[in-house]
Amino acid sequence: EEEAFLVSLYKFMKERRTPIERIPHLGFKQINLWKIYKAVEKLGAYELVTGRRLWKNVYDELGGSPGSTSAATCTRRHYE
């Protein structure tokens, strides 16, 4: 399931001419794209996470540093 998701994601991003050339980092850790997708899905998908301001929860789910002040914004930007 994870592999199929990643193949589909890379294909989608390439088709819209914004290919993923390198995996983004959050703090000093590389983001697991499958894990961030599942975390957002678990909280109700993008619109709900954004509307309810749950991006910090997604960041925490990914094991982010608790002291980060821009965690929510960075997490959302990387997801987008």
PDB file of N, CA and C in Angstrom:
ATOM      1  N   GLU A   1       0.840  -1.204   0.000  1.00  0.00           N
ATOM      2  CA  GLU A   1       0.000   0.000   0.000  1.00  0.00           C
ATOM      3  C   GLU A   1       0.875   1.255   0.000  1.00  0.00           C
ATOM      4  N   GLU A   2       1.917   1.250   0.838  1.00  0.00           N
ATOM      5  CA  GLU A   2       2.799   2.419   0.908  1.00  0.00           C
ATOM      6  C   GLU A   2       3.532   2.627  -0.416  1.00  0.00           C
ATOM      7  N   GLU A   3       4.024   1.543  -0.978  1.00  0.00           N
ATOM      8  CA  GLU A   3       4.764   1.647  -2.240  1.00  0.00           C
ATOM      9  C   GLU A   3       3.855   2.155  -3.360  1.00  0.00           C
ATOM     10  N   ALA A   4       2.631   1.653  -3.427  1.00  0.00           N
ATOM     11  CA  ALA A   4       1.682   2.092  -4.448  1.00  0.00           C
ATOM     12  C   ALA A   4       1.372   3.582  -4.278  1.00  0.00           C
ATOM     13  N   PHE A   5       1.224   4.028  -3.037  1.00  0.00           N
ATOM     14  CA  PHE A   5       0.981   5.443  -2.759  1.00  0.00           C
ATOM     15  C   PHE A   5       2.135   6.294  -3.279  1.00  0.00           C
ATOM     16  N   LEU A   6       3.365   5.885  -2.963  1.00  0.00           N
ATOM     17  CA  LEU A   6       4.537   6.663  -3.372  1.00  0.00           C
ATOM     18  C   LEU A   6       4.677   6.718  -4.892  1.00  0.00           C
ATOM     19  N   VAL A   7       4.452   5.603  -5.552  1.00  0.00           N
ATOM     20  CA  VAL A   7       4.512   5.576  -7.021  1.00  0.00           C
ATOM     21  C   VAL A   7       3.474   6.541  -7.592  1.00  0.00           C
ATOM     22  N   SER A   8       2.275   6.478  -7.059  1.00  0.00           N
ATOM     23  CA  SER A   8       1.187   7.343  -7.515  1.00  0.00           C
ATOM     24  C   SER A   8       1.502   8.817  -7.244  1.00  0.00           C
ATOM     25  N   LEU A   9       2.037   9.112  -6.072  1.00  0.00           N
ATOM     26  CA  LEU A   9       2.382  10.487  -5.701  1.00  0.00           C
ATOM     27  C   LEU A   9       3.450  11.058  -6.627  1.00  0.00           C
ATOM     28  N   TYR A  10       4.517  10.309  -6.836  1.00  0.00           N
ATOM     29  CA  TYR A  10       5.593  10.772  -7.718  1.00  0.00           C
ATOM     30  C   TYR A  10       5.077  11.000  -9.139  1.00  0.00           C
ATOM     31  N   LYS A  11       4.215  10.109  -9.614  1.00  0.00           N
ATOM     32  CA  LYS A  11       3.636  10.243 -10.956  1.00  0.00           C
ATOM     33  C   LYS A  11       2.771  11.497 -11.031  1.00  0.00           C
ATOM     34  N   PHE A  12       1.912  11.688 -10.043  1.00  0.00           N
ATOM     35  CA  PHE A  12       1.025  12.850  -9.994  1.00  0.00           C
ATOM     36  C   PHE A  12       1.830  14.149  -9.997  1.00  0.00           C
ATOM     37  N   MET A  13       2.853  14.213  -9.158  1.00  0.00           N
ATOM     38  CA  MET A  13       3.652  15.434  -9.050  1.00  0.00           C
ATOM     39  C   MET A  13       4.412  15.708 -10.350  1.00  0.00           C
ATOM     40  N   LYS A  14       4.884  14.661 -11.003  1.00  0.00           N
ATOM     41  CA  LYS A  14       5.600  14.825 -12.274  1.00  0.00           C
ATOM     42  C   LYS A  14       4.649  15.323 -13.359  1.00  0.00           C
ATOM     43  N   GLU A  15       3.433  14.764 -13.397  1.00  0.00           N
ATOM     44  CA  GLU A  15       2.447  15.162 -14.402  1.00  0.00           C
ATOM     45  C   GLU A  15       2.028  16.621 -14.258  1.00  0.00           C
ATOM     46  N   ARG A  16       2.011  17.128 -13.038  1.00  0.00           N
ATOM     47  CA  ARG A  16       1.638  18.533 -12.858  1.00  0.00           C
ATOM     48  C   ARG A  16       2.853  19.450 -12.901  1.00  0.00           C
ATOM     49  N   ARG A  17       3.970  18.884 -13.319  1.00  0.00           N
ATOM     50  CA  ARG A  17       5.226  19.609 -13.540  1.00  0.00           C
ATOM     51  C   ARG A  17       5.811  20.218 -12.274  1.00  0.00           C
ATOM     52  N   THR A  18       5.609  19.516 -11.164  1.00  0.00           N
ATOM     53  CA  THR A  18       6.250  19.880  -9.895  1.00  0.00           C
ATOM     54  C   THR A  18       6.824  18.605  -9.287  1.00  0.00           C
ATOM     55  N   PRO A  19       7.780  17.993  -9.993  1.00  0.00           N
ATOM     56  CA  PRO A  19       8.292  16.696  -9.511  1.00  0.00           C
ATOM     57  C   PRO A  19       8.969  16.804  -8.145  1.00  0.00           C
ATOM     58  N   ILE A  20       8.898  15.721  -7.401  1.00  0.00           N
ATOM     59  CA  ILE A  20       9.589  15.646  -6.115  1.00  0.00           C
ATOM     60  C   ILE A  20      11.029  15.265  -6.437  1.00  0.00           C
ATOM     61  N   GLU A  21      11.918  16.219  -6.308  1.00  0.00           N
ATOM     62  CA  GLU A  21      13.317  15.959  -6.627  1.00  0.00           C
ATOM     63  C   GLU A  21      14.104  15.506  -5.412  1.00  0.00           C
ATOM     64  N   ARG A  22      13.647  15.926  -4.250  1.00  0.00           N
ATOM     65  CA  ARG A  22      14.251  15.447  -3.003  1.00  0.00           C
ATOM     66  C   ARG A  22      13.187  15.480  -1.920  1.00  0.00           C
ATOM     67  N   ILE A  23      13.284  14.555  -1.007  1.00  0.00           N
ATOM     68  CA  ILE A  23      12.306  14.457   0.083  1.00  0.00           C
ATOM     69  C   ILE A  23      12.507  15.657   1.020  1.00  0.00           C
ATOM     70  N   PRO A  24      11.414  16.360   1.349  1.00  0.00           N
ATOM     71  CA  PRO A  24      11.555  17.514   2.254  1.00  0.00           C
ATOM     72  C   PRO A  24      11.936  17.079   3.669  1.00  0.00           C
ATOM     73  N   HIS A  25      12.512  18.015   4.411  1.00  0.00           N
ATOM     74  CA  HIS A  25      12.909  17.788   5.800  1.00  0.00           C
ATOM     75  C   HIS A  25      12.080  18.676   6.718  1.00  0.00           C
ATOM     76  N   LEU A  26      11.811  18.192   7.870  1.00  0.00           N
ATOM     77  CA  LEU A  26      11.122  18.939   8.917  1.00  0.00           C
ATOM     78  C   LEU A  26      12.053  18.896  10.103  1.00  0.00           C
ATOM     79  N   GLY A  27      12.573  20.048  10.475  1.00  0.00           N
ATOM     80  CA  GLY A  27      13.639  20.052  11.470  1.00  0.00           C
ATOM     81  C   GLY A  27      14.852  19.451  10.790  1.00  0.00           C
ATOM     82  N   PHE A  28      15.437  18.458  11.385  1.00  0.00           N
ATOM     83  CA  PHE A  28      16.598  17.809  10.776  1.00  0.00           C
ATOM     84  C   PHE A  28      16.265  16.399  10.309  1.00  0.00           C
ATOM     85  N   LYS A  29      14.961  16.087  10.275  1.00  0.00           N
ATOM     86  CA  LYS A  29      14.535  14.748   9.885  1.00  0.00           C
ATOM     87  C   LYS A  29      13.843  14.763   8.536  1.00  0.00           C
ATOM     88  N   GLN A  30      14.157  13.779   7.723  1.00  0.00           N
ATOM     89  CA  GLN A  30      13.490  13.624   6.443  1.00  0.00           C
ATOM     90  C   GLN A  30      12.044  13.207   6.695  1.00  0.00           C
ATOM     91  N   ILE A  31      11.117  13.810   5.976  1.00  0.00           N
ATOM     92  CA  ILE A  31       9.698  13.494   6.146  1.00  0.00           C
ATOM     93  C   ILE A  31       9.382  12.172   5.449  1.00  0.00           C
ATOM     94  N   ASN A  32       8.702  11.294   6.159  1.00  0.00           N
ATOM     95  CA  ASN A  32       8.190  10.067   5.561  1.00  0.00           C
ATOM     96  C   ASN A  32       6.857  10.443   4.915  1.00  0.00           C
ATOM     97  N   LEU A  33       6.824  10.504   3.588  1.00  0.00           N
ATOM     98  CA  LEU A  33       5.644  10.987   2.871  1.00  0.00           C
ATOM     99  C   LEU A  33       4.402  10.134   3.131  1.00  0.00           C
ATOM    100  N   TRP A  34       4.606   8.848   3.273  1.00  0.00           N
ATOM    101  CA  TRP A  34       3.492   7.944   3.584  1.00  0.00           C
ATOM    102  C   TRP A  34       2.942   8.258   4.977  1.00  0.00           C
ATOM    103  N   LYS A  35       3.844   8.462   5.919  1.00  0.00           N
ATOM    104  CA  LYS A  35       3.438   8.714   7.301  1.00  0.00           C
ATOM    105  C   LYS A  35       2.679  10.045   7.431  1.00  0.00           C
ATOM    106  N   ILE A  36       3.142  11.083   6.740  1.00  0.00           N
ATOM    107  CA  ILE A  36       2.449  12.373   6.814  1.00  0.00           C
ATOM    108  C   ILE A  36       1.065  12.263   6.162  1.00  0.00           C
ATOM    109  N   TYR A  37       0.992  11.538   5.062  1.00  0.00           N
ATOM    110  CA  TYR A  37      -0.296  11.329   4.396  1.00  0.00           C
ATOM    111  C   TYR A  37      -1.275  10.609   5.328  1.00  0.00           C
ATOM    112  N   LYS A  38      -0.816   9.537   5.961  1.00  0.00           N
ATOM    113  CA  LYS A  38      -1.676   8.761   6.857  1.00  0.00           C
ATOM    114  C   LYS A  38      -2.081   9.579   8.086  1.00  0.00           C
ATOM    115  N   ALA A  39      -1.170  10.401   8.598  1.00  0.00           N
ATOM    116  CA  ALA A  39      -1.483  11.234   9.769  1.00  0.00           C
ATOM    117  C   ALA A  39      -2.586  12.231   9.430  1.00  0.00           C
ATOM    118  N   VAL A  40      -2.503  12.836   8.255  1.00  0.00           N
ATOM    119  CA  VAL A  40      -3.527  13.802   7.825  1.00  0.00           C
ATOM    120  C   VAL A  40      -4.843  13.078   7.572  1.00  0.00           C
ATOM    121  N   GLU A  41      -4.770  11.930   6.938  1.00  0.00           N
ATOM    122  CA  GLU A  41      -5.975  11.136   6.668  1.00  0.00           C
ATOM    123  C   GLU A  41      -6.672  10.747   7.977  1.00  0.00           C
ATOM    124  N   LYS A  42      -5.875  10.357   8.968  1.00  0.00           N
ATOM    125  CA  LYS A  42      -6.410   9.937  10.268  1.00  0.00           C
ATOM    126  C   LYS A  42      -7.167  11.082  10.971  1.00  0.00           C
ATOM    127  N   LEU A  43      -6.708  12.314  10.747  1.00  0.00           N
ATOM    128  CA  LEU A  43      -7.346  13.470  11.377  1.00  0.00           C
ATOM    129  C   LEU A  43      -8.496  14.041  10.540  1.00  0.00           C
ATOM    130  N   GLY A  44      -8.811  13.420   9.415  1.00  0.00           N
ATOM    131  CA  GLY A  44      -9.971  13.834   8.640  1.00  0.00           C
ATOM    132  C   GLY A  44      -9.684  14.430   7.279  1.00  0.00           C
ATOM    133  N   ALA A  45      -8.470  14.390   6.817  1.00  0.00           N
ATOM    134  CA  ALA A  45      -8.036  14.887   5.500  1.00  0.00           C
ATOM    135  C   ALA A  45      -7.698  16.383   5.535  1.00  0.00           C
ATOM    136  N   TYR A  46      -7.125  16.840   4.447  1.00  0.00           N
ATOM    137  CA  TYR A  46      -6.544  18.182   4.363  1.00  0.00           C
ATOM    138  C   TYR A  46      -7.491  19.308   4.805  1.00  0.00           C
ATOM    139  N   GLU A  47      -8.695  19.336   4.255  1.00  0.00           N
ATOM    140  CA  GLU A  47      -9.618  20.438   4.555  1.00  0.00           C
ATOM    141  C   GLU A  47      -9.946  20.513   6.045  1.00  0.00           C
ATOM    142  N   LEU A  48     -10.181  19.367   6.646  1.00  0.00           N
ATOM    143  CA  LEU A  48     -10.519  19.324   8.067  1.00  0.00           C
ATOM    144  C   LEU A  48      -9.317  19.704   8.931  1.00  0.00           C
ATOM    145  N   VAL A  49      -8.150  19.185   8.589  1.00  0.00           N
ATOM    146  CA  VAL A  49      -6.933  19.496   9.347  1.00  0.00           C
ATOM    147  C   VAL A  49      -6.655  20.999   9.271  1.00  0.00           C
ATOM    148  N   THR A  50      -6.831  21.568   8.095  1.00  0.00           N
ATOM    149  CA  THR A  50      -6.604  23.003   7.917  1.00  0.00           C
ATOM    150  C   THR A  50      -7.672  23.809   8.650  1.00  0.00           C
ATOM    151  N   GLY A  51      -8.925  23.452   8.460  1.00  0.00           N
ATOM    152  CA  GLY A  51     -10.029  24.170   9.094  1.00  0.00           C
ATOM    153  C   GLY A  51      -9.986  24.138  10.611  1.00  0.00           C
ATOM    154  N   ARG A  52      -9.561  23.037  11.167  1.00  0.00           N
ATOM    155  CA  ARG A  52      -9.508  22.890  12.626  1.00  0.00           C
ATOM    156  C   ARG A  52      -8.125  23.199  13.197  1.00  0.00           C
ATOM    157  N   ARG A  53      -7.225  23.645  12.333  1.00  0.00           N
ATOM    158  CA  ARG A  53      -5.864  24.009  12.748  1.00  0.00           C
ATOM    159  C   ARG A  53      -5.153  22.862  13.477  1.00  0.00           C
ATOM    160  N   LEU A  54      -5.126  21.730  12.823  1.00  0.00           N
ATOM    161  CA  LEU A  54      -4.539  20.531  13.422  1.00  0.00           C
ATOM    162  C   LEU A  54      -3.148  20.202  12.880  1.00  0.00           C
ATOM    163  N   TRP A  55      -2.529  21.135  12.164  1.00  0.00           N
ATOM    164  CA  TRP A  55      -1.223  20.850  11.578  1.00  0.00           C
ATOM    165  C   TRP A  55      -0.155  20.582  12.636  1.00  0.00           C
ATOM    166  N   LYS A  56      -0.271  21.209  13.797  1.00  0.00           N
ATOM    167  CA  LYS A  56       0.682  20.935  14.886  1.00  0.00           C
ATOM    168  C   LYS A  56       0.520  19.488  15.360  1.00  0.00           C
ATOM    169  N   ASN A  57      -0.703  18.985  15.359  1.00  0.00           N
ATOM    170  CA  ASN A  57      -0.943  17.585  15.723  1.00  0.00           C
ATOM    171  C   ASN A  57      -0.264  16.640  14.731  1.00  0.00           C
ATOM    172  N   VAL A  58      -0.327  16.996  13.447  1.00  0.00           N
ATOM    173  CA  VAL A  58       0.336  16.188  12.417  1.00  0.00           C
ATOM    174  C   VAL A  58       1.844  16.196  12.676  1.00  0.00           C
ATOM    175  N   TYR A  59       2.373  17.374  12.944  1.00  0.00           N
ATOM    176  CA  TYR A  59       3.801  17.522  13.245  1.00  0.00           C
ATOM    177  C   TYR A  59       4.194  16.645  14.435  1.00  0.00           C
ATOM    178  N   ASP A  60       3.388  16.692  15.480  1.00  0.00           N
ATOM    179  CA  ASP A  60       3.659  15.884  16.677  1.00  0.00           C
ATOM    180  C   ASP A  60       3.610  14.389  16.347  1.00  0.00           C
ATOM    181  N   GLU A  61       2.663  14.007  15.509  1.00  0.00           N
ATOM    182  CA  GLU A  61       2.519  12.599  15.092  1.00  0.00           C
ATOM    183  C   GLU A  61       3.773  12.108  14.352  1.00  0.00           C
ATOM    184  N   LEU A  62       4.420  13.030  13.653  1.00  0.00           N
ATOM    185  CA  LEU A  62       5.631  12.689  12.907  1.00  0.00           C
ATOM    186  C   LEU A  62       6.868  12.666  13.798  1.00  0.00           C
ATOM    187  N   GLY A  63       6.680  12.995  15.080  1.00  0.00           N
ATOM    188  CA  GLY A  63       7.794  12.957  16.023  1.00  0.00           C
ATOM    189  C   GLY A  63       8.645  14.214  16.007  1.00  0.00           C
ATOM    190  N   GLY A  64       8.008  15.347  15.703  1.00  0.00           N
ATOM    191  CA  GLY A  64       8.728  16.614  15.638  1.00  0.00           C
ATOM    192  C   GLY A  64       9.166  17.130  16.993  1.00  0.00           C
ATOM    193  N   SER A  65      10.052  18.093  16.960  1.00  0.00           N
ATOM    194  CA  SER A  65      10.583  18.716  18.175  1.00  0.00           C
ATOM    195  C   SER A  65       9.509  19.579  18.839  1.00  0.00           C
ATOM    196  N   PRO A  66       9.236  19.365  20.120  1.00  0.00           N
ATOM    197  CA  PRO A  66       8.154  20.079  20.796  1.00  0.00           C
ATOM    198  C   PRO A  66       8.351  21.595  20.879  1.00  0.00           C
ATOM    199  N   GLY A  67       9.575  22.086  20.785  1.00  0.00           N
ATOM    200  CA  GLY A  67       9.829  23.521  20.937  1.00  0.00           C
ATOM    201  C   GLY A  67       9.675  24.339  19.670  1.00  0.00           C
ATOM    202  N   SER A  68       9.391  23.725  18.560  1.00  0.00           N
ATOM    203  CA  SER A  68       9.319  24.449  17.285  1.00  0.00           C
ATOM    204  C   SER A  68       8.107  25.369  17.231  1.00  0.00           C
ATOM    205  N   THR A  69       8.364  26.651  16.916  1.00  0.00           N
ATOM    206  CA  THR A  69       7.270  27.623  16.854  1.00  0.00           C
ATOM    207  C   THR A  69       6.610  27.674  15.475  1.00  0.00           C
ATOM    208  N   SER A  70       7.309  27.212  14.455  1.00  0.00           N
ATOM    209  CA  SER A  70       6.744  27.256  13.105  1.00  0.00           C
ATOM    210  C   SER A  70       6.329  25.860  12.623  1.00  0.00           C
ATOM    211  N   ALA A  71       6.185  24.940  13.527  1.00  0.00           N
ATOM    212  CA  ALA A  71       5.902  23.542  13.181  1.00  0.00           C
ATOM    213  C   ALA A  71       4.648  23.388  12.326  1.00  0.00           C
ATOM    214  N   ALA A  72       3.561  24.013  12.726  1.00  0.00           N
ATOM    215  CA  ALA A  72       2.298  23.854  12.006  1.00  0.00           C
ATOM    216  C   ALA A  72       2.412  24.372  10.580  1.00  0.00           C
ATOM    217  N   THR A  73       2.964  25.567  10.430  1.00  0.00           N
ATOM    218  CA  THR A  73       3.097  26.171   9.103  1.00  0.00           C
ATOM    219  C   THR A  73       4.006  25.350   8.200  1.00  0.00           C
ATOM    220  N   CYS A  74       5.139  24.937   8.717  1.00  0.00           N
ATOM    221  CA  CYS A  74       6.090  24.140   7.926  1.00  0.00           C
ATOM    222  C   CYS A  74       5.491  22.797   7.529  1.00  0.00           C
ATOM    223  N   THR A  75       4.802  22.165   8.444  1.00  0.00           N
ATOM    224  CA  THR A  75       4.191  20.864   8.161  1.00  0.00           C
ATOM    225  C   THR A  75       3.160  21.000   7.051  1.00  0.00           C
ATOM    226  N   ARG A  76       2.317  22.011   7.149  1.00  0.00           N
ATOM    227  CA  ARG A  76       1.292  22.246   6.128  1.00  0.00           C
ATOM    228  C   ARG A  76       1.958  22.530   4.779  1.00  0.00           C
ATOM    229  N   ARG A  77       2.955  23.363   4.757  1.00  0.00           N
ATOM    230  CA  ARG A  77       3.621  23.725   3.502  1.00  0.00           C
ATOM    231  C   ARG A  77       4.230  22.490   2.832  1.00  0.00           C
ATOM    232  N   HIS A  78       4.876  21.655   3.626  1.00  0.00           N
ATOM    233  CA  HIS A  78       5.456  20.434   3.065  1.00  0.00           C
ATOM    234  C   HIS A  78       4.380  19.489   2.548  1.00  0.00           C
ATOM    235  N   TYR A  79       3.287  19.385   3.263  1.00  0.00           N
ATOM    236  CA  TYR A  79       2.200  18.521   2.818  1.00  0.00           C
ATOM    237  C   TYR A  79       1.646  19.015   1.482  1.00  0.00           C
ATOM    238  N   GLU A  80       1.451  20.311   1.396  1.00  0.00           N
ATOM    239  CA  GLU A  80       0.920  20.893   0.153  1.00  0.00           C
ATOM    240  C   GLU A  80       1.886  20.706  -1.002  1.00  0.00           C
TER     241      GLU A  80
END
